[in-house]
PDB file of N, CA and C in Angstrom:
ATOM      1  N   UNK A   1     105.988 142.232 111.359  1.00  0.00           N
ATOM      2  CA  UNK A   1     104.590 142.110 111.452  1.00  0.00           C
ATOM      3  C   UNK A   1     104.038 142.300 110.163  1.00  0.00           C
ATOM      4  N   UNK A   2     103.089 141.310 109.747  1.00  0.00           N
ATOM      5  CA  UNK A   2     102.341 141.832 108.163  1.00  0.00           C
ATOM      6  C   UNK A   2     101.298 142.813 108.652  1.00  0.00           C
ATOM      7  N   UNK A   3     101.521 144.169 107.806  1.00  0.00           N
ATOM      8  CA  UNK A   3     100.443 145.150 107.947  1.00  0.00           C
ATOM      9  C   UNK A   3      99.989 145.606 106.582  1.00  0.00           C
ATOM     10  N   UNK A   4      98.722 146.152 106.472  1.00  0.00           N
ATOM     11  CA  UNK A   4      98.264 146.806 105.358  1.00  0.00           C
ATOM     12  C   UNK A   4      98.043 148.200 105.823  1.00  0.00           C
ATOM     13  N   UNK A   5      98.187 149.095 104.831  1.00  0.00           N
ATOM     14  CA  UNK A   5      97.818 150.620 105.318  1.00  0.00           C
ATOM     15  C   UNK A   5      96.899 150.984 104.009  1.00  0.00           C
ATOM     16  N   UNK A   6      95.515 151.602 104.697  1.00  0.00           N
ATOM     17  CA  UNK A   6      94.722 152.067 103.718  1.00  0.00           C
ATOM     18  C   UNK A   6      94.798 153.308 103.867  1.00  0.00           C
ATOM     19  N   UNK A   7      94.928 154.123 102.665  1.00  0.00           N
ATOM     20  CA  UNK A   7      94.966 155.770 102.735  1.00  0.00           C
ATOM     21  C   UNK A   7      93.905 156.201 101.686  1.00  0.00           C
ATOM     22  N   UNK A   8      94.420 157.620 101.307  1.00  0.00           N
ATOM     23  CA  UNK A   8      93.638 158.141 100.287  1.00  0.00           C
ATOM     24  C   UNK A   8      94.560 159.364  99.500  1.00  0.00           C
ATOM     25  N   UNK A   9      95.654 159.221  99.989  1.00  0.00           N
ATOM     26  CA  UNK A   9      96.880 160.093  99.267  1.00  0.00           C
ATOM     27  C   UNK A   9      97.927 159.235  98.774  1.00  0.00           C
ATOM     28  N   UNK A  10      98.212 159.244  97.508  1.00  0.00           N
ATOM     29  CA  UNK A  10      99.260 158.456  97.124  1.00  0.00           C
ATOM     30  C   UNK A  10     100.382 158.660  97.806  1.00  0.00           C
ATOM     31  N   UNK A  11     101.106 159.907  97.914  1.00  0.00           N
ATOM     32  CA  UNK A  11     102.280 160.306  98.378  1.00  0.00           C
ATOM     33  C   UNK A  11     102.422 160.026  99.703  1.00  0.00           C
ATOM     34  N   UNK A  12     101.493 160.408 100.639  1.00  0.00           N
ATOM     35  CA  UNK A  12     101.140 159.648 101.962  1.00  0.00           C
ATOM     36  C   UNK A  12     101.427 158.362 102.174  1.00  0.00           C
ATOM     37  N   UNK A  13     100.886 157.542 101.429  1.00  0.00           N
ATOM     38  CA  UNK A  13     100.718 156.362 101.365  1.00  0.00           C
ATOM     39  C   UNK A  13     102.278 155.864 101.211  1.00  0.00           C
ATOM     40  N   UNK A  14     102.852 156.247 100.261  1.00  0.00           N
ATOM     41  CA  UNK A  14     104.312 155.656 100.047  1.00  0.00           C
ATOM     42  C   UNK A  14     104.935 156.100 101.259  1.00  0.00           C
ATOM     43  N   UNK A  15     105.036 157.169 101.731  1.00  0.00           N
ATOM     44  CA  UNK A  15     105.848 157.732 102.787  1.00  0.00           C
ATOM     45  C   UNK A  15     105.487 156.731 104.048  1.00  0.00           C
ATOM     46  N   UNK A  16     104.297 156.446 104.273  1.00  0.00           N
ATOM     47  CA  UNK A  16     103.560 155.410 105.572  1.00  0.00           C
ATOM     48  C   UNK A  16     104.443 154.049 104.955  1.00  0.00           C
ATOM     49  N   UNK A  17     104.491 153.552 103.660  1.00  0.00           N
ATOM     50  CA  UNK A  17     104.873 152.267 103.558  1.00  0.00           C
ATOM     51  C   UNK A  17     106.538 152.440 103.819  1.00  0.00           C
ATOM     52  N   UNK A  18     107.100 153.487 103.505  1.00  0.00           N
ATOM     53  CA  UNK A  18     108.576 153.515 103.674  1.00  0.00           C
ATOM     54  C   UNK A  18     108.842 153.707 105.449  1.00  0.00           C
ATOM     55  N   UNK A  19     108.289 154.284 106.035  1.00  0.00           N
ATOM     56  CA  UNK A  19     108.148 154.317 107.347  1.00  0.00           C
ATOM     57  C   UNK A  19     107.785 152.831 108.058  1.00  0.00           C
ATOM     58  N   UNK A  20     107.033 152.348 107.535  1.00  0.00           N
ATOM     59  CA  UNK A  20     106.470 150.784 108.152  1.00  0.00           C
ATOM     60  C   UNK A  20     107.560 149.581 107.748  1.00  0.00           C
ATOM     61  N   UNK A  21     108.091 149.874 106.545  1.00  0.00           N
ATOM     62  CA  UNK A  21     109.376 149.112 106.110  1.00  0.00           C
ATOM     63  C   UNK A  21     110.591 149.550 106.983  1.00  0.00           C
ATOM     64  N   UNK A  22     110.713 150.507 107.293  1.00  0.00           N
ATOM     65  CA  UNK A  22     111.969 150.925 108.091  1.00  0.00           C
ATOM     66  C   UNK A  22     111.892 150.446 109.357  1.00  0.00           C
ATOM     67  N   UNK A  23     110.649 150.422 110.107  1.00  0.00           N
ATOM     68  CA  UNK A  23     110.333 149.777 111.243  1.00  0.00           C
ATOM     69  C   UNK A  23     110.489 148.345 111.208  1.00  0.00           C
ATOM     70  N   UNK A  24     110.837 147.502 110.402  1.00  0.00           N
ATOM     71  CA  UNK A  24     110.744 146.374 110.338  1.00  0.00           C
ATOM     72  C   UNK A  24     109.651 145.380 109.824  1.00  0.00           C
ATOM     73  N   UNK A  25     108.371 146.402 109.512  1.00  0.00           N
ATOM     74  CA  UNK A  25     107.255 145.576 109.108  1.00  0.00           C
ATOM     75  C   UNK A  25     107.296 144.943 107.957  1.00  0.00           C
ATOM     76  N   UNK A  26     106.565 144.329 107.249  1.00  0.00           N
ATOM     77  CA  UNK A  26     106.265 143.493 106.098  1.00  0.00           C
ATOM     78  C   UNK A  26     104.994 144.293 105.649  1.00  0.00           C
ATOM     79  N   UNK A  27     104.984 145.458 104.928  1.00  0.00           N
ATOM     80  CA  UNK A  27     103.782 146.296 104.686  1.00  0.00           C
ATOM     81  C   UNK A  27     103.543 146.305 103.375  1.00  0.00           C
ATOM     82  N   UNK A  28     102.185 146.579 103.197  1.00  0.00           N
ATOM     83  CA  UNK A  28     101.397 146.727 101.738  1.00  0.00           C
ATOM     84  C   UNK A  28     100.425 147.740 101.867  1.00  0.00           C
ATOM     85  N   UNK A  29     100.258 148.884 100.948  1.00  0.00           N
ATOM     86  CA  UNK A  29      99.480 149.819 101.042  1.00  0.00           C
ATOM     87  C   UNK A  29      98.668 149.848  99.888  1.00  0.00           C
ATOM     88  N   UNK A  30      97.404 150.334 100.031  1.00  0.00           N
ATOM     89  CA  UNK A  30      96.417 150.410  99.015  1.00  0.00           C
ATOM     90  C   UNK A  30      95.699 151.802  99.096  1.00  0.00           C
ATOM     91  N   UNK A  31      94.720 152.365  97.976  1.00  0.00           N
ATOM     92  CA  UNK A  31      94.281 153.501  98.074  1.00  0.00           C
ATOM     93  C   UNK A  31      92.881 153.029  97.969  1.00  0.00           C
ATOM     94  N   UNK A  32      92.417 151.592  97.761  1.00  0.00           N
ATOM     95  CA  UNK A  32      91.206 151.139  97.502  1.00  0.00           C
ATOM     96  C   UNK A  32      90.774 150.194  98.536  1.00  0.00           C
ATOM     97  N   UNK A  33      89.422 150.418  99.073  1.00  0.00           N
ATOM     98  CA  UNK A  33      88.747 149.638 100.254  1.00  0.00           C
ATOM     99  C   UNK A  33      88.817 148.222  99.762  1.00  0.00           C
ATOM    100  N   UNK A  34      88.132 147.857  98.818  1.00  0.00           N
ATOM    101  CA  UNK A  34      88.005 146.436  98.461  1.00  0.00           C
ATOM    102  C   UNK A  34      89.331 145.703  98.511  1.00  0.00           C
ATOM    103  N   UNK A  35      90.374 146.144  98.379  1.00  0.00           N
ATOM    104  CA  UNK A  35      91.759 145.508  98.384  1.00  0.00           C
ATOM    105  C   UNK A  35      92.012 145.379  99.721  1.00  0.00           C
ATOM    106  N   UNK A  36      91.913 146.404 100.655  1.00  0.00           N
ATOM    107  CA  UNK A  36      92.283 146.369 102.036  1.00  0.00           C
ATOM    108  C   UNK A  36      91.144 145.131 102.735  1.00  0.00           C
ATOM    109  N   UNK A  37      90.088 145.170 102.231  1.00  0.00           N
ATOM    110  CA  UNK A  37      88.828 144.399 102.842  1.00  0.00           C
ATOM    111  C   UNK A  37      89.634 142.688 102.546  1.00  0.00           C
ATOM    112  N   UNK A  38      90.131 142.591 101.344  1.00  0.00           N
ATOM    113  CA  UNK A  38      90.570 141.257 100.922  1.00  0.00           C
ATOM    114  C   UNK A  38      91.691 140.993 101.692  1.00  0.00           C
ATOM    115  N   UNK A  39      92.739 141.804 102.140  1.00  0.00           N
ATOM    116  CA  UNK A  39      93.617 141.545 102.891  1.00  0.00           C
ATOM    117  C   UNK A  39      93.239 140.841 104.354  1.00  0.00           C
ATOM    118  N   UNK A  40      91.971 141.532 104.693  1.00  0.00           N
ATOM    119  CA  UNK A  40      91.631 141.472 106.236  1.00  0.00           C
ATOM    120  C   UNK A  40      90.962 140.081 106.292  1.00  0.00           C
ATOM    121  N   UNK A  41      90.132 139.748 105.161  1.00  0.00           N
ATOM    122  CA  UNK A  41      89.417 138.652 105.155  1.00  0.00           C
ATOM    123  C   UNK A  41      90.129 137.537 105.052  1.00  0.00           C
ATOM    124  N   UNK A  42      91.168 137.396 104.252  1.00  0.00           N
ATOM    125  CA  UNK A  42      91.918 136.422 103.683  1.00  0.00           C
ATOM    126  C   UNK A  42      93.227 135.978 104.703  1.00  0.00           C
ATOM    127  N   UNK A  43      93.384 137.083 105.914  1.00  0.00           N
ATOM    128  CA  UNK A  43      94.232 136.988 106.951  1.00  0.00           C
ATOM    129  C   UNK A  43      95.766 137.081 106.439  1.00  0.00           C
ATOM    130  N   UNK A  44      95.839 137.818 105.258  1.00  0.00           N
ATOM    131  CA  UNK A  44      97.063 137.844 104.694  1.00  0.00           C
ATOM    132  C   UNK A  44      97.953 139.053 105.609  1.00  0.00           C
ATOM    133  N   UNK A  45      97.093 139.803 106.372  1.00  0.00           N
ATOM    134  CA  UNK A  45      97.949 140.930 107.406  1.00  0.00           C
ATOM    135  C   UNK A  45      97.563 140.777 108.688  1.00  0.00           C
ATOM    136  N   UNK A  46      98.129 141.035 109.519  1.00  0.00           N
ATOM    137  CA  UNK A  46      97.953 140.908 110.899  1.00  0.00           C
ATOM    138  C   UNK A  46      97.389 142.310 111.698  1.00  0.00           C
ATOM    139  N   UNK A  47      97.564 143.440 111.046  1.00  0.00           N
ATOM    140  CA  UNK A  47      96.942 144.891 111.194  1.00  0.00           C
ATOM    141  C   UNK A  47      96.778 145.328 110.037  1.00  0.00           C
ATOM    142  N   UNK A  48      95.727 146.452 110.355  1.00  0.00           N
ATOM    143  CA  UNK A  48      95.551 147.278 109.269  1.00  0.00           C
ATOM    144  C   UNK A  48      95.487 148.842 109.801  1.00  0.00           C
ATOM    145  N   UNK A  49      96.280 149.392 109.209  1.00  0.00           N
ATOM    146  CA  UNK A  49      96.269 151.043 109.435  1.00  0.00           C
ATOM    147  C   UNK A  49      95.590 151.760 108.466  1.00  0.00           C
ATOM    148  N   UNK A  50      94.594 152.480 109.251  1.00  0.00           N
ATOM    149  CA  UNK A  50      93.429 153.330 108.440  1.00  0.00           C
ATOM    150  C   UNK A  50      93.763 154.705 108.535  1.00  0.00           C
ATOM    151  N   UNK A  51      94.349 155.285 107.394  1.00  0.00           N
ATOM    152  CA  UNK A  51      94.689 156.753 107.367  1.00  0.00           C
ATOM    153  C   UNK A  51      93.652 157.587 107.503  1.00  0.00           C
ATOM    154  N   UNK A  52      94.190 159.120 108.003  1.00  0.00           N
ATOM    155  CA  UNK A  52      93.243 159.785 108.635  1.00  0.00           C
ATOM    156  C   UNK A  52      92.210 160.587 107.562  1.00  0.00           C
ATOM    157  N   UNK A  53      92.420 160.344 106.357  1.00  0.00           N
ATOM    158  CA  UNK A  53      91.603 160.770 104.982  1.00  0.00           C
ATOM    159  C   UNK A  53      90.587 159.732 104.593  1.00  0.00           C
ATOM    160  N   UNK A  54      90.647 158.564 105.253  1.00  0.00           N
ATOM    161  CA  UNK A  54      89.668 157.568 104.955  1.00  0.00           C
ATOM    162  C   UNK A  54      88.259 157.865 105.531  1.00  0.00           C
ATOM    163  N   UNK A  55      87.401 157.974 104.562  1.00  0.00           N
ATOM    164  CA  UNK A  55      86.097 158.575 104.852  1.00  0.00           C
ATOM    165  C   UNK A  55      85.415 157.521 106.147  1.00  0.00           C
ATOM    166  N   UNK A  56      84.417 158.145 106.940  1.00  0.00           N
ATOM    167  CA  UNK A  56      83.821 157.624 108.212  1.00  0.00           C
ATOM    168  C   UNK A  56      83.144 156.175 107.623  1.00  0.00           C
ATOM    169  N   UNK A  57      82.383 156.493 106.579  1.00  0.00           N
ATOM    170  CA  UNK A  57      81.819 155.150 106.340  1.00  0.00           C
ATOM    171  C   UNK A  57      82.736 153.958 105.959  1.00  0.00           C
ATOM    172  N   UNK A  58      83.627 154.464 105.354  1.00  0.00           N
ATOM    173  CA  UNK A  58      84.677 153.212 104.689  1.00  0.00           C
ATOM    174  C   UNK A  58      85.319 152.905 106.063  1.00  0.00           C
ATOM    175  N   UNK A  59      85.980 153.590 106.847  1.00  0.00           N
ATOM    176  CA  UNK A  59      86.430 153.710 108.391  1.00  0.00           C
ATOM    177  C   UNK A  59      85.567 152.610 109.140  1.00  0.00           C
ATOM    178  N   UNK A  60      84.283 152.771 109.312  1.00  0.00           N
ATOM    179  CA  UNK A  60      83.363 151.752 110.065  1.00  0.00           C
ATOM    180  C   UNK A  60      83.366 150.641 109.401  1.00  0.00           C
ATOM    181  N   UNK A  61      82.941 150.369 108.215  1.00  0.00           N
ATOM    182  CA  UNK A  61      83.351 148.643 107.516  1.00  0.00           C
ATOM    183  C   UNK A  61      84.411 148.440 107.906  1.00  0.00           C
ATOM    184  N   UNK A  62      85.837 148.949 107.852  1.00  0.00           N
ATOM    185  CA  UNK A  62      87.218 148.279 107.865  1.00  0.00           C
ATOM    186  C   UNK A  62      87.369 148.019 109.596  1.00  0.00           C
ATOM    187  N   UNK A  63      86.867 148.977 110.194  1.00  0.00           N
ATOM    188  CA  UNK A  63      86.950 148.534 112.046  1.00  0.00           C
ATOM    189  C   UNK A  63      85.795 147.083 112.172  1.00  0.00           C
ATOM    190  N   UNK A  64      84.727 147.122 111.507  1.00  0.00           N
ATOM    191  CA  UNK A  64      84.198 145.957 112.071  1.00  0.00           C
ATOM    192  C   UNK A  64      84.675 144.691 111.138  1.00  0.00           C
ATOM    193  N   UNK A  65      85.084 144.613 110.023  1.00  0.00           N
ATOM    194  CA  UNK A  65      85.756 143.254 109.088  1.00  0.00           C
ATOM    195  C   UNK A  65      87.140 143.222 109.915  1.00  0.00           C
ATOM    196  N   UNK A  66      87.887 144.177 110.587  1.00  0.00           N
ATOM    197  CA  UNK A  66      89.093 143.793 111.343  1.00  0.00           C
ATOM    198  C   UNK A  66      88.798 143.030 112.478  1.00  0.00           C
ATOM    199  N   UNK A  67      87.478 143.507 113.130  1.00  0.00           N
ATOM    200  CA  UNK A  67      87.198 142.846 114.582  1.00  0.00           C
ATOM    201  C   UNK A  67      86.791 141.739 114.523  1.00  0.00           C
ATOM    202  N   UNK A  68      85.981 141.368 113.241  1.00  0.00           N
ATOM    203  CA  UNK A  68      85.276 140.049 112.828  1.00  0.00           C
ATOM    204  C   UNK A  68      86.351 139.062 112.395  1.00  0.00           C
ATOM    205  N   UNK A  69      87.620 139.415 112.039  1.00  0.00           N
ATOM    206  CA  UNK A  69      88.478 138.547 111.248  1.00  0.00           C
ATOM    207  C   UNK A  69      90.046 138.523 112.208  1.00  0.00           C
ATOM    208  N   UNK A  70      89.753 139.114 113.604  1.00  0.00           N
ATOM    209  CA  UNK A  70      91.071 139.294 114.343  1.00  0.00           C
ATOM    210  C   UNK A  70      92.168 139.747 113.865  1.00  0.00           C
ATOM    211  N   UNK A  71      91.894 140.758 113.045  1.00  0.00           N
ATOM    212  CA  UNK A  71      93.015 141.746 112.539  1.00  0.00           C
ATOM    213  C   UNK A  71      92.815 143.032 113.442  1.00  0.00           C
ATOM    214  N   UNK A  72      94.196 143.589 113.790  1.00  0.00           N
ATOM    215  CA  UNK A  72      94.318 144.527 114.777  1.00  0.00           C
ATOM    216  C   UNK A  72      93.851 145.666 113.915  1.00  0.00           C
ATOM    217  N   UNK A  73      93.471 146.584 114.217  1.00  0.00           N
ATOM    218  CA  UNK A  73      92.625 147.929 113.438  1.00  0.00           C
ATOM    219  C   UNK A  73      93.360 149.045 114.112  1.00  0.00           C
ATOM    220  N   UNK A  74      94.269 149.870 113.269  1.00  0.00           N
ATOM    221  CA  UNK A  74      94.835 151.167 114.068  1.00  0.00           C
ATOM    222  C   UNK A  74      94.287 152.445 113.253  1.00  0.00           C
ATOM    223  N   UNK A  75      93.797 153.055 113.784  1.00  0.00           N
ATOM    224  CA  UNK A  75      93.204 154.435 113.093  1.00  0.00           C
ATOM    225  C   UNK A  75      94.512 155.184 113.120  1.00  0.00           C
ATOM    226  N   UNK A  76      94.991 155.925 112.168  1.00  0.00           N
ATOM    227  CA  UNK A  76      95.937 157.010 112.147  1.00  0.00           C
ATOM    228  C   UNK A  76      95.473 158.609 111.958  1.00  0.00           C
ATOM    229  N   UNK A  77      95.641 159.224 113.016  1.00  0.00           N
ATOM    230  CA  UNK A  77      94.890 160.671 113.001  1.00  0.00           C
ATOM    231  C   UNK A  77      95.760 161.630 111.980  1.00  0.00           C
ATOM    232  N   UNK A  78      97.036 161.419 111.827  1.00  0.00           N
ATOM    233  CA  UNK A  78      97.771 162.257 111.272  1.00  0.00           C
ATOM    234  C   UNK A  78      99.164 161.573 110.993  1.00  0.00           C
ATOM    235  N   UNK A  79     100.144 162.281 110.093  1.00  0.00           N
ATOM    236  CA  UNK A  79     101.661 161.808 109.897  1.00  0.00           C
ATOM    237  C   UNK A  79     102.458 161.717 111.112  1.00  0.00           C
ATOM    238  N   UNK A  80     102.253 162.507 112.246  1.00  0.00           N
ATOM    239  CA  UNK A  80     103.054 162.349 113.554  1.00  0.00           C
ATOM    240  C   UNK A  80     102.810 161.263 114.162  1.00  0.00           C
ATOM    241  N   UNK A  81     101.498 160.542 114.105  1.00  0.00           N
ATOM    242  CA  UNK A  81     101.179 159.471 114.659  1.00  0.00           C
ATOM    243  C   UNK A  81     101.530 158.191 114.285  1.00  0.00           C
ATOM    244  N   UNK A  82     101.768 158.236 113.081  1.00  0.00           N
ATOM    245  CA  UNK A  82     102.106 157.108 112.265  1.00  0.00           C
ATOM    246  C   UNK A  82     103.528 156.191 112.893  1.00  0.00           C
ATOM    247  N   UNK A  83     104.616 157.037 113.176  1.00  0.00           N
ATOM    248  CA  UNK A  83     105.779 156.467 113.696  1.00  0.00           C
ATOM    249  C   UNK A  83     105.600 155.605 114.888  1.00  0.00           C
ATOM    250  N   UNK A  84     104.568 156.094 115.771  1.00  0.00           N
ATOM    251  CA  UNK A  84     104.450 155.864 117.396  1.00  0.00           C
ATOM    252  C   UNK A  84     103.513 154.677 117.205  1.00  0.00           C
ATOM    253  N   UNK A  85     102.503 154.596 116.154  1.00  0.00           N
ATOM    254  CA  UNK A  85     101.754 153.617 116.012  1.00  0.00           C
ATOM    255  C   UNK A  85     102.709 152.111 115.480  1.00  0.00           C
ATOM    256  N   UNK A  86     103.595 152.468 114.407  1.00  0.00           N
ATOM    257  CA  UNK A  86     104.110 151.365 113.877  1.00  0.00           C
ATOM    258  C   UNK A  86     105.284 150.714 115.028  1.00  0.00           C
ATOM    259  N   UNK A  87     105.981 151.697 115.972  1.00  0.00           N
ATOM    260  CA  UNK A  87     106.588 151.209 117.146  1.00  0.00           C
ATOM    261  C   UNK A  87     105.765 150.243 118.162  1.00  0.00           C
ATOM    262  N   UNK A  88     104.523 150.638 118.484  1.00  0.00           N
ATOM    263  CA  UNK A  88     103.651 149.744 119.058  1.00  0.00           C
ATOM    264  C   UNK A  88     103.439 148.299 118.404  1.00  0.00           C
ATOM    265  N   UNK A  89     103.161 148.505 117.117  1.00  0.00           N
ATOM    266  CA  UNK A  89     102.736 147.247 116.557  1.00  0.00           C
ATOM    267  C   UNK A  89     104.077 146.341 116.421  1.00  0.00           C
ATOM    268  N   UNK A  90     105.127 146.709 116.493  1.00  0.00           N
ATOM    269  CA  UNK A  90     106.539 146.118 116.322  1.00  0.00           C
ATOM    270  C   UNK A  90     106.602 145.451 117.825  1.00  0.00           C
ATOM    271  N   UNK A  91     106.176 145.947 118.717  1.00  0.00           N
ATOM    272  CA  UNK A  91     106.340 145.454 120.139  1.00  0.00           C
ATOM    273  C   UNK A  91     105.236 144.162 120.440  1.00  0.00           C
ATOM    274  N   UNK A  92     104.088 144.155 119.509  1.00  0.00           N
ATOM    275  CA  UNK A  92     103.059 143.174 119.546  1.00  0.00           C
ATOM    276  C   UNK A  92     103.824 141.931 119.226  1.00  0.00           C
ATOM    277  N   UNK A  93     103.441 140.653 119.935  1.00  0.00           N
ATOM    278  CA  UNK A  93     103.982 139.530 119.393  1.00  0.00           C
ATOM    279  C   UNK A  93     103.166 138.868 118.410  1.00  0.00           C
TER     280      UNK A  93
END
């Protein structure tokens, strides 16, 4: 699955990308909201993972844009949740 990951910490984002790619996903990551929004609006991704450090205001915008554009939004509450979420996404047709 093509996924995007939006986060706020570069080290955590790199770890998340490694996990995503290891789970068989075609993943890209960013620390910048407008880049993630461009992926969602252009349908370059099928799912957007939103990291726990993303501020509430940005999170609300991302969730709304994903809903409007048919992109699955997954909120990640912490590093321990990421692996489970990636496994679930791998099972989505």
